[in-house]
Amino acid sequence: MEETTLRVDGMSCPSCIRHINSALCALDGIGKVDVRLREGTVVVQHDPASAPVPALVEAVRGAGYDVRPRAA
């Protein structure tokens, strides 16, 4: 498993947390999703072979949010 942090713009409420969590958990290879509303980030534990970073970004974008991987 790999851990990736995504910056997400537009999260403002518990409903946002549920939408993002559901979008990511629908992907294969997801271990854990930690949506941090106050920080504007999502930390995802995932198998990079079955859930690469571009797939994570597309899932969150598909849920209606602006997203990008956080710079290391």
C-alpha atoms as a PDB file:
ATOM      1  CA  MET A   1       0.000   0.000   0.000  1.00  0.00           C
ATOM      2  CA  GLU A   2       1.049   3.534  -0.766  1.00  0.00           C
ATOM      3  CA  GLU A   3      -0.172   6.709   0.940  1.00  0.00           C
ATOM      4  CA  THR A   4      -1.090   9.735  -1.174  1.00  0.00           C
ATOM      5  CA  THR A   5      -2.310  13.125   0.012  1.00  0.00           C
ATOM      6  CA  LEU A   6      -4.615  15.091  -2.277  1.00  0.00           C
ATOM      7  CA  ARG A   7      -5.449  18.802  -1.973  1.00  0.00           C
ATOM      8  CA  VAL A   8      -9.183  19.262  -2.452  1.00  0.00           C
ATOM      9  CA  ASP A   9     -10.874  22.632  -2.977  1.00  0.00           C
ATOM     10  CA  GLY A  10     -14.555  23.143  -2.355  1.00  0.00           C
ATOM     11  CA  MET A  11     -15.080  20.875   0.669  1.00  0.00           C
ATOM     12  CA  SER A  12     -17.229  22.633   3.238  1.00  0.00           C
ATOM     13  CA  CYS A  13     -19.422  20.171   5.135  1.00  0.00           C
ATOM     14  CA  PRO A  14     -19.913  16.584   6.314  1.00  0.00           C
ATOM     15  CA  SER A  15     -21.778  15.824   3.088  1.00  0.00           C
ATOM     16  CA  CYS A  16     -18.597  16.657   1.153  1.00  0.00           C
ATOM     17  CA  ILE A  17     -16.722  14.138   3.283  1.00  0.00           C
ATOM     18  CA  ARG A  18     -19.272  11.428   2.464  1.00  0.00           C
ATOM     19  CA  HIS A  19     -19.218  12.200  -1.280  1.00  0.00           C
ATOM     20  CA  ILE A  20     -15.424  12.067  -1.503  1.00  0.00           C
ATOM     21  CA  ASN A  21     -15.167   8.994   0.699  1.00  0.00           C
ATOM     22  CA  SER A  22     -17.769   7.157  -1.406  1.00  0.00           C
ATOM     23  CA  ALA A  23     -16.100   8.136  -4.686  1.00  0.00           C
ATOM     24  CA  LEU A  24     -12.713   6.853  -3.565  1.00  0.00           C
ATOM     25  CA  CYS A  25     -13.964   3.715  -1.829  1.00  0.00           C
ATOM     26  CA  ALA A  26     -15.723   2.698  -5.049  1.00  0.00           C
ATOM     27  CA  LEU A  27     -12.285   2.131  -6.613  1.00  0.00           C
ATOM     28  CA  ASP A  28     -10.484  -1.203  -6.354  1.00  0.00           C
ATOM     29  CA  GLY A  29      -7.286  -1.139  -4.336  1.00  0.00           C
ATOM     30  CA  ILE A  30      -8.329   1.404  -1.704  1.00  0.00           C
ATOM     31  CA  GLY A  31      -7.284   0.602   1.853  1.00  0.00           C
ATOM     32  CA  LYS A  32      -8.249   3.676   3.873  1.00  0.00           C
ATOM     33  CA  VAL A  33      -9.574   7.161   3.137  1.00  0.00           C
ATOM     34  CA  ASP A  34      -9.138  10.011   5.614  1.00  0.00           C
ATOM     35  CA  VAL A  35     -10.930  13.202   4.515  1.00  0.00           C
ATOM     36  CA  ARG A  36      -9.613  16.182   6.482  1.00  0.00           C
ATOM     37  CA  LEU A  37     -12.125  18.949   5.979  1.00  0.00           C
ATOM     38  CA  ARG A  38     -10.290  21.640   7.976  1.00  0.00           C
ATOM     39  CA  GLU A  39      -7.013  20.986   6.150  1.00  0.00           C
ATOM     40  CA  GLY A  40      -8.592  20.637   2.720  1.00  0.00           C
ATOM     41  CA  THR A  41      -6.860  17.321   2.164  1.00  0.00           C
ATOM     42  CA  VAL A  42      -7.636  13.665   1.656  1.00  0.00           C
ATOM     43  CA  VAL A  43      -5.114  11.012   2.674  1.00  0.00           C
ATOM     44  CA  VAL A  44      -5.605   7.779   0.752  1.00  0.00           C
ATOM     45  CA  GLN A  45      -3.948   4.428   1.364  1.00  0.00           C
ATOM     46  CA  HIS A  46      -4.082   2.577  -1.945  1.00  0.00           C
ATOM     47  CA  ASP A  47      -2.507  -0.074  -4.123  1.00  0.00           C
ATOM     48  CA  PRO A  48      -0.761   1.968  -6.840  1.00  0.00           C
ATOM     49  CA  ALA A  49      -1.160  -0.881  -9.347  1.00  0.00           C
ATOM     50  CA  SER A  50      -4.954  -1.007  -9.169  1.00  0.00           C
ATOM     51  CA  ALA A  51      -5.638   2.542  -7.902  1.00  0.00           C
ATOM     52  CA  PRO A  52      -2.944   4.864  -9.297  1.00  0.00           C
ATOM     53  CA  VAL A  53      -2.883   8.545  -8.343  1.00  0.00           C
ATOM     54  CA  PRO A  54      -4.570   9.685 -11.610  1.00  0.00           C
ATOM     55  CA  ALA A  55      -7.510   7.376 -10.807  1.00  0.00           C
ATOM     56  CA  LEU A  56      -7.792   8.906  -7.324  1.00  0.00           C
ATOM     57  CA  VAL A  57      -7.798  12.407  -8.807  1.00  0.00           C
ATOM     58  CA  GLU A  58     -10.438  11.482 -11.385  1.00  0.00           C
ATOM     59  CA  ALA A  59     -12.679   9.896  -8.728  1.00  0.00           C
ATOM     60  CA  VAL A  60     -12.623  13.041  -6.592  1.00  0.00           C
ATOM     61  CA  ARG A  61     -13.046  15.272  -9.647  1.00  0.00           C
ATOM     62  CA  GLY A  62     -16.003  13.112 -10.698  1.00  0.00           C
ATOM     63  CA  ALA A  63     -17.567  13.777  -7.291  1.00  0.00           C
ATOM     64  CA  GLY A  64     -17.512  17.486  -8.154  1.00  0.00           C
ATOM     65  CA  TYR A  65     -14.365  18.826  -6.480  1.00  0.00           C
ATOM     66  CA  ASP A  66     -11.192  20.527  -7.671  1.00  0.00           C
ATOM     67  CA  VAL A  67      -8.323  18.248  -6.721  1.00  0.00           C
ATOM     68  CA  ARG A  68      -4.591  17.823  -7.200  1.00  0.00           C
ATOM     69  CA  PRO A  69      -1.874  15.721  -5.577  1.00  0.00           C
ATOM     70  CA  ARG A  70      -0.139  17.582  -2.779  1.00  0.00           C
ATOM     71  CA  ALA A  71       3.455  18.485  -3.553  1.00  0.00           C
ATOM     72  CA  ALA A  72       5.971  16.513  -1.530  1.00  0.00           C
END
